[in-house]
Amino acid sequence: MEFININSKTPHIDFYKSFYKYMNNLYKYNQKIIILAIGTDRSTGDSLGPITGQKLKLFLRKKADLFGTLDNPIHAKNINQTIDFIEKNYTDPFIIAIDACLGSLNHVGYISLGSGPIRPGAGVSKDLPPVGNMFVTGIVNISGFMEYIVLQNTRLNLVMKMADVISFGIFRTINDIYIKNLERA
């Protein structure tokens, strides 16, 4: 797992380099890429996924399939149906799961990424299925006490900065992979 500080001098490039490295190691040639941007627009702290999805929606154009935008968020009440839909309609897709999370005070403002699934809703005691071949999480606030209120009182500025960094790195990586796949075909 790697951490990117969004307040560093070059967070967009740092995230892109780390994200590209993980994708390059995990992604199999010509696998369908699915982005699962998890969260809700009803809570500032939990809106990282849908905001990132909304930003990516404009740029992906058939290079990846996207689930989770401000218009159609993926949250605790519909994530099981979404996962079922993906399992029934895709053969061996590469799923990138994006979600907000709570963490320690010294990690607030960091984006973590790594291989394997995430457990959405774990920070607020939801029992949801693990999902993803790789994950991207934005640590938006501190955990440990009154998580729902903490998420409601998260600064939108922090979430927007993270969404900008994540969407830039994911788009650039997927574009690079798309070009590589075209060259191989």
C-alpha atoms as a PDB file:
ATOM      1  CA  MET A   1       0.000   0.000   0.000  1.00  0.00           C
ATOM      2  CA  GLU A   2       1.166   3.511  -0.778  1.00  0.00           C
ATOM      3  CA  PHE A   3       0.142   6.900   0.562  1.00  0.00           C
ATOM      4  CA  ILE A   4       0.054  10.177  -1.375  1.00  0.00           C
ATOM      5  CA  ASN A   5      -0.157  13.483   0.496  1.00  0.00           C
ATOM      6  CA  ILE A   6      -2.496  15.797  -1.410  1.00  0.00           C
ATOM      7  CA  ASN A   7      -0.697  18.784   0.091  1.00  0.00           C
ATOM      8  CA  SER A   8       2.681  17.825  -1.360  1.00  0.00           C
ATOM      9  CA  LYS A   9       4.160  19.863  -4.210  1.00  0.00           C
ATOM     10  CA  THR A  10       3.236  17.315  -6.892  1.00  0.00           C
ATOM     11  CA  PRO A  11       0.300  15.177  -5.682  1.00  0.00           C
ATOM     12  CA  HIS A  12      -1.148  14.678  -9.196  1.00  0.00           C
ATOM     13  CA  ILE A  13       2.115  13.277 -10.566  1.00  0.00           C
ATOM     14  CA  ASP A  14       2.875  11.295  -7.381  1.00  0.00           C
ATOM     15  CA  PHE A  15      -0.543   9.628  -7.489  1.00  0.00           C
ATOM     16  CA  TYR A  16      -0.349   8.972 -11.232  1.00  0.00           C
ATOM     17  CA  LYS A  17       3.067   7.273 -10.897  1.00  0.00           C
ATOM     18  CA  SER A  18       1.916   5.058  -8.015  1.00  0.00           C
ATOM     19  CA  PHE A  19      -1.430   4.229  -9.620  1.00  0.00           C
ATOM     20  CA  TYR A  20       0.223   3.413 -12.953  1.00  0.00           C
ATOM     21  CA  LYS A  21       2.723   1.116 -11.208  1.00  0.00           C
ATOM     22  CA  TYR A  22      -0.075  -0.850  -9.524  1.00  0.00           C
ATOM     23  CA  MET A  23      -2.162  -1.068 -12.695  1.00  0.00           C
ATOM     24  CA  ASN A  24       0.862  -2.135 -14.711  1.00  0.00           C
ATOM     25  CA  ASN A  25       1.512  -4.992 -12.250  1.00  0.00           C
ATOM     26  CA  LEU A  26      -2.086  -6.132 -11.720  1.00  0.00           C
ATOM     27  CA  TYR A  27      -3.929  -5.501 -14.981  1.00  0.00           C
ATOM     28  CA  LYS A  28      -4.041  -8.233 -17.642  1.00  0.00           C
ATOM     29  CA  TYR A  29      -3.987  -7.246 -21.312  1.00  0.00           C
ATOM     30  CA  ASN A  30      -7.427  -6.438 -22.720  1.00  0.00           C
ATOM     31  CA  GLN A  31      -9.264  -6.930 -19.415  1.00  0.00           C
ATOM     32  CA  LYS A  32     -12.355  -4.707 -19.180  1.00  0.00           C
ATOM     33  CA  ILE A  33     -11.691  -1.932 -16.648  1.00  0.00           C
ATOM     34  CA  ILE A  34     -14.490  -1.056 -14.252  1.00  0.00           C
ATOM     35  CA  ILE A  35     -14.362   1.880 -11.901  1.00  0.00           C
ATOM     36  CA  LEU A  36     -16.581   1.500  -8.869  1.00  0.00           C
ATOM     37  CA  ALA A  37     -16.781   4.916  -7.193  1.00  0.00           C
ATOM     38  CA  ILE A  38     -18.469   4.286  -3.842  1.00  0.00           C
ATOM     39  CA  GLY A  39     -20.175   6.836  -1.608  1.00  0.00           C
ATOM     40  CA  THR A  40     -23.072   9.227  -1.362  1.00  0.00           C
ATOM     41  CA  ASP A  41     -23.622  12.872  -2.145  1.00  0.00           C
ATOM     42  CA  ARG A  42     -25.669  13.195   1.073  1.00  0.00           C
ATOM     43  CA  SER A  43     -22.544  13.348   3.241  1.00  0.00           C
ATOM     44  CA  THR A  44     -19.594  15.606   2.448  1.00  0.00           C
ATOM     45  CA  GLY A  45     -17.047  13.153   3.797  1.00  0.00           C
ATOM     46  CA  ASP A  46     -18.534  10.228   1.900  1.00  0.00           C
ATOM     47  CA  SER A  47     -18.859  12.060  -1.424  1.00  0.00           C
ATOM     48  CA  LEU A  48     -15.314  11.359  -2.649  1.00  0.00           C
ATOM     49  CA  GLY A  49     -16.396   8.382  -4.791  1.00  0.00           C
ATOM     50  CA  PRO A  50     -19.333  10.039  -6.571  1.00  0.00           C
ATOM     51  CA  ILE A  51     -17.425  13.298  -7.145  1.00  0.00           C
ATOM     52  CA  THR A  52     -14.454  11.390  -8.582  1.00  0.00           C
ATOM     53  CA  GLY A  53     -16.832   9.335 -10.725  1.00  0.00           C
ATOM     54  CA  GLN A  54     -18.520  12.501 -11.986  1.00  0.00           C
ATOM     55  CA  LYS A  55     -15.144  13.949 -13.004  1.00  0.00           C
ATOM     56  CA  LEU A  56     -14.080  10.725 -14.748  1.00  0.00           C
ATOM     57  CA  LYS A  57     -17.407  10.342 -16.562  1.00  0.00           C
ATOM     58  CA  LEU A  58     -16.477  13.199 -18.887  1.00  0.00           C
ATOM     59  CA  PHE A  59     -13.187  11.661 -20.000  1.00  0.00           C
ATOM     60  CA  LEU A  60     -13.397   7.858 -20.065  1.00  0.00           C
ATOM     61  CA  ARG A  61     -15.388   7.423 -23.299  1.00  0.00           C
ATOM     62  CA  LYS A  62     -15.545   3.640 -23.638  1.00  0.00           C
ATOM     63  CA  LYS A  63     -12.052   3.156 -22.216  1.00  0.00           C
ATOM     64  CA  ALA A  64     -13.561   1.924 -18.933  1.00  0.00           C
ATOM     65  CA  ASP A  65     -17.011   1.363 -17.486  1.00  0.00           C
ATOM     66  CA  LEU A  66     -17.981   3.580 -14.576  1.00  0.00           C
ATOM     67  CA  PHE A  67     -20.377   2.912 -11.726  1.00  0.00           C
ATOM     68  CA  GLY A  68     -20.900   5.717  -9.211  1.00  0.00           C
ATOM     69  CA  THR A  69     -21.478   9.381 -10.020  1.00  0.00           C
ATOM     70  CA  LEU A  70     -23.315  12.253  -8.392  1.00  0.00           C
ATOM     71  CA  ASP A  71     -26.339  11.385 -10.552  1.00  0.00           C
ATOM     72  CA  ASN A  72     -26.205   7.663  -9.735  1.00  0.00           C
ATOM     73  CA  PRO A  73     -24.163   7.032  -6.583  1.00  0.00           C
ATOM     74  CA  ILE A  74     -23.158   3.556  -5.417  1.00  0.00           C
ATOM     75  CA  HIS A  75     -23.800   3.293  -1.685  1.00  0.00           C
ATOM     76  CA  ALA A  76     -24.747   0.815   1.047  1.00  0.00           C
ATOM     77  CA  LYS A  77     -28.285   0.360  -0.251  1.00  0.00           C
ATOM     78  CA  ASN A  78     -27.378  -0.528  -3.852  1.00  0.00           C
ATOM     79  CA  ILE A  79     -23.800  -1.844  -3.820  1.00  0.00           C
ATOM     80  CA  ASN A  80     -24.887  -5.499  -3.624  1.00  0.00           C
ATOM     81  CA  GLN A  81     -27.089  -5.114  -6.719  1.00  0.00           C
ATOM     82  CA  THR A  82     -24.272  -3.324  -8.541  1.00  0.00           C
ATOM     83  CA  ILE A  83     -21.777  -6.076  -7.727  1.00  0.00           C
ATOM     84  CA  ASP A  84     -24.330  -8.702  -8.851  1.00  0.00           C
ATOM     85  CA  PHE A  85     -24.839  -6.797 -12.122  1.00  0.00           C
ATOM     86  CA  ILE A  86     -21.079  -6.659 -12.741  1.00  0.00           C
ATOM     87  CA  GLU A  87     -20.650 -10.377 -11.977  1.00  0.00           C
ATOM     88  CA  LYS A  88     -23.468 -11.306 -14.389  1.00  0.00           C
ATOM     89  CA  ASN A  89     -22.464  -8.992 -17.239  1.00  0.00           C
ATOM     90  CA  TYR A  90     -18.653  -8.999 -17.275  1.00  0.00           C
ATOM     91  CA  THR A  91     -16.123 -11.792 -17.629  1.00  0.00           C
ATOM     92  CA  ASP A  92     -13.036 -11.304 -15.456  1.00  0.00           C
ATOM     93  CA  PRO A  93     -13.142  -7.483 -15.267  1.00  0.00           C
ATOM     94  CA  PHE A  94     -10.466  -5.404 -13.554  1.00  0.00           C
ATOM     95  CA  ILE A  95     -12.286  -3.457 -10.826  1.00  0.00           C
ATOM     96  CA  ILE A  96     -10.866  -0.284  -9.317  1.00  0.00           C
ATOM     97  CA  ALA A  97     -12.757   0.536  -6.109  1.00  0.00           C
ATOM     98  CA  ILE A  98     -12.702   4.163  -4.922  1.00  0.00           C
ATOM     99  CA  ASP A  99     -14.037   5.207  -1.530  1.00  0.00           C
ATOM    100  CA  ALA A 100     -13.563   7.698   1.266  1.00  0.00           C
ATOM    101  CA  CYS A 101     -12.377   6.464   4.631  1.00  0.00           C
ATOM    102  CA  LEU A 102     -11.576   7.669   8.114  1.00  0.00           C
ATOM    103  CA  GLY A 103      -8.140   7.286   9.630  1.00  0.00           C
ATOM    104  CA  SER A 104      -5.624   8.622  12.091  1.00  0.00           C
ATOM    105  CA  LEU A 105      -5.115  12.367  12.419  1.00  0.00           C
ATOM    106  CA  ASN A 106      -1.658  12.231  10.801  1.00  0.00           C
ATOM    107  CA  HIS A 107      -3.096  10.518   7.680  1.00  0.00           C
ATOM    108  CA  VAL A 108      -6.004  12.900   7.007  1.00  0.00           C
ATOM    109  CA  GLY A 109      -5.371  14.418   3.583  1.00  0.00           C
ATOM    110  CA  TYR A 110      -3.658  11.313   2.229  1.00  0.00           C
ATOM    111  CA  ILE A 111      -4.807   9.038  -0.562  1.00  0.00           C
ATOM    112  CA  SER A 112      -3.986   5.363  -0.135  1.00  0.00           C
ATOM    113  CA  LEU A 113      -3.842   2.866  -2.957  1.00  0.00           C
ATOM    114  CA  GLY A 114      -2.963  -0.760  -3.250  1.00  0.00           C
ATOM    115  CA  SER A 115      -3.822  -4.183  -4.557  1.00  0.00           C
ATOM    116  CA  GLY A 116      -6.839  -6.179  -3.492  1.00  0.00           C
ATOM    117  CA  PRO A 117     -10.343  -5.295  -2.414  1.00  0.00           C
ATOM    118  CA  ILE A 118     -11.698  -2.749   0.024  1.00  0.00           C
ATOM    119  CA  ARG A 119     -14.541  -3.196   2.487  1.00  0.00           C
ATOM    120  CA  PRO A 120     -16.806  -0.224   1.872  1.00  0.00           C
ATOM    121  CA  GLY A 121     -18.574   1.122   4.949  1.00  0.00           C
ATOM    122  CA  ALA A 122     -16.192  -0.553   7.411  1.00  0.00           C
ATOM    123  CA  GLY A 123     -15.437   2.793   9.074  1.00  0.00           C
ATOM    124  CA  VAL A 124     -19.102   3.264   9.977  1.00  0.00           C
ATOM    125  CA  SER A 125     -19.748  -0.391  10.972  1.00  0.00           C
ATOM    126  CA  LYS A 126     -21.549  -1.412   7.766  1.00  0.00           C
ATOM    127  CA  ASP A 127     -21.237  -5.042   6.708  1.00  0.00           C
ATOM    128  CA  LEU A 128     -20.758  -4.772   2.949  1.00  0.00           C
ATOM    129  CA  PRO A 129     -18.946  -7.178   0.600  1.00  0.00           C
ATOM    130  CA  PRO A 130     -15.285  -6.609  -0.242  1.00  0.00           C
ATOM    131  CA  VAL A 131     -14.807  -5.394  -3.815  1.00  0.00           C
ATOM    132  CA  GLY A 132     -12.000  -4.544  -6.240  1.00  0.00           C
ATOM    133  CA  ASN A 133      -8.798  -5.824  -7.778  1.00  0.00           C
ATOM    134  CA  MET A 134      -7.205  -2.644  -6.503  1.00  0.00           C
ATOM    135  CA  PHE A 135      -8.381   0.176  -4.296  1.00  0.00           C
ATOM    136  CA  VAL A 136      -8.059   3.920  -3.910  1.00  0.00           C
ATOM    137  CA  THR A 137      -9.176   5.464  -0.635  1.00  0.00           C
ATOM    138  CA  GLY A 138      -9.099   9.062   0.454  1.00  0.00           C
ATOM    139  CA  ILE A 139      -8.602   9.566   4.175  1.00  0.00           C
ATOM    140  CA  VAL A 140     -10.998  12.447   4.673  1.00  0.00           C
ATOM    141  CA  ASN A 141     -11.210  12.734   8.461  1.00  0.00           C
ATOM    142  CA  ILE A 142     -10.368  11.085  11.795  1.00  0.00           C
ATOM    143  CA  SER A 143     -11.918   7.854  13.025  1.00  0.00           C
ATOM    144  CA  GLY A 144     -12.767   6.622  16.460  1.00  0.00           C
ATOM    145  CA  PHE A 145     -15.744   8.655  17.636  1.00  0.00           C
ATOM    146  CA  MET A 146     -19.141   9.537  16.151  1.00  0.00           C
ATOM    147  CA  GLU A 147     -18.126   8.571  12.607  1.00  0.00           C
ATOM    148  CA  TYR A 148     -21.356   9.719  10.920  1.00  0.00           C
ATOM    149  CA  ILE A 149     -21.057  13.215  12.403  1.00  0.00           C
ATOM    150  CA  VAL A 150     -17.367  13.355  11.499  1.00  0.00           C
ATOM    151  CA  LEU A 151     -18.215  12.466   7.875  1.00  0.00           C
ATOM    152  CA  GLN A 152     -20.924  15.157   7.808  1.00  0.00           C
ATOM    153  CA  ASN A 153     -18.414  17.746   9.029  1.00  0.00           C
ATOM    154  CA  THR A 154     -15.625  16.979   6.596  1.00  0.00           C
ATOM    155  CA  ARG A 155     -14.401  19.907   4.509  1.00  0.00           C
ATOM    156  CA  LEU A 156     -15.602  19.790   0.918  1.00  0.00           C
ATOM    157  CA  ASN A 157     -12.343  21.476  -0.119  1.00  0.00           C
ATOM    158  CA  LEU A 158     -10.381  18.411   1.021  1.00  0.00           C
ATOM    159  CA  VAL A 159     -12.722  16.026  -0.831  1.00  0.00           C
ATOM    160  CA  MET A 160     -12.522  18.105  -4.033  1.00  0.00           C
ATOM    161  CA  LYS A 161      -8.707  18.212  -3.935  1.00  0.00           C
ATOM    162  CA  MET A 162      -8.598  14.439  -3.528  1.00  0.00           C
ATOM    163  CA  ALA A 163     -11.119  13.910  -6.336  1.00  0.00           C
ATOM    164  CA  ASP A 164      -8.998  16.090  -8.646  1.00  0.00           C
ATOM    165  CA  VAL A 165      -5.815  14.143  -7.879  1.00  0.00           C
ATOM    166  CA  ILE A 166      -7.487  10.732  -8.167  1.00  0.00           C
ATOM    167  CA  SER A 167      -9.418  11.482 -11.366  1.00  0.00           C
ATOM    168  CA  PHE A 168      -6.313  12.924 -13.056  1.00  0.00           C
ATOM    169  CA  GLY A 169      -4.176   9.867 -12.193  1.00  0.00           C
ATOM    170  CA  ILE A 170      -6.815   7.302 -13.102  1.00  0.00           C
ATOM    171  CA  PHE A 171      -7.712   8.975 -16.389  1.00  0.00           C
ATOM    172  CA  ARG A 172      -4.089   9.337 -17.439  1.00  0.00           C
ATOM    173  CA  THR A 173      -3.308   5.713 -16.523  1.00  0.00           C
ATOM    174  CA  ILE A 174      -6.370   4.291 -18.273  1.00  0.00           C
ATOM    175  CA  ASN A 175      -5.589   6.372 -21.339  1.00  0.00           C
ATOM    176  CA  ASP A 176      -2.009   5.010 -21.357  1.00  0.00           C
ATOM    177  CA  ILE A 177      -3.284   1.430 -21.025  1.00  0.00           C
ATOM    178  CA  TYR A 178      -5.908   1.972 -23.729  1.00  0.00           C
ATOM    179  CA  ILE A 179      -3.193   3.151 -26.143  1.00  0.00           C
ATOM    180  CA  LYS A 180      -0.989   0.154 -25.218  1.00  0.00           C
ATOM    181  CA  ASN A 181      -3.901  -2.230 -25.884  1.00  0.00           C
ATOM    182  CA  LEU A 182      -4.501  -0.629 -29.293  1.00  0.00           C
ATOM    183  CA  GLU A 183      -0.837  -1.033 -30.185  1.00  0.00           C
ATOM    184  CA  ARG A 184      -0.917  -4.722 -29.177  1.00  0.00           C
ATOM    185  CA  ALA A 185      -4.075  -5.484 -31.172  1.00  0.00           C
END
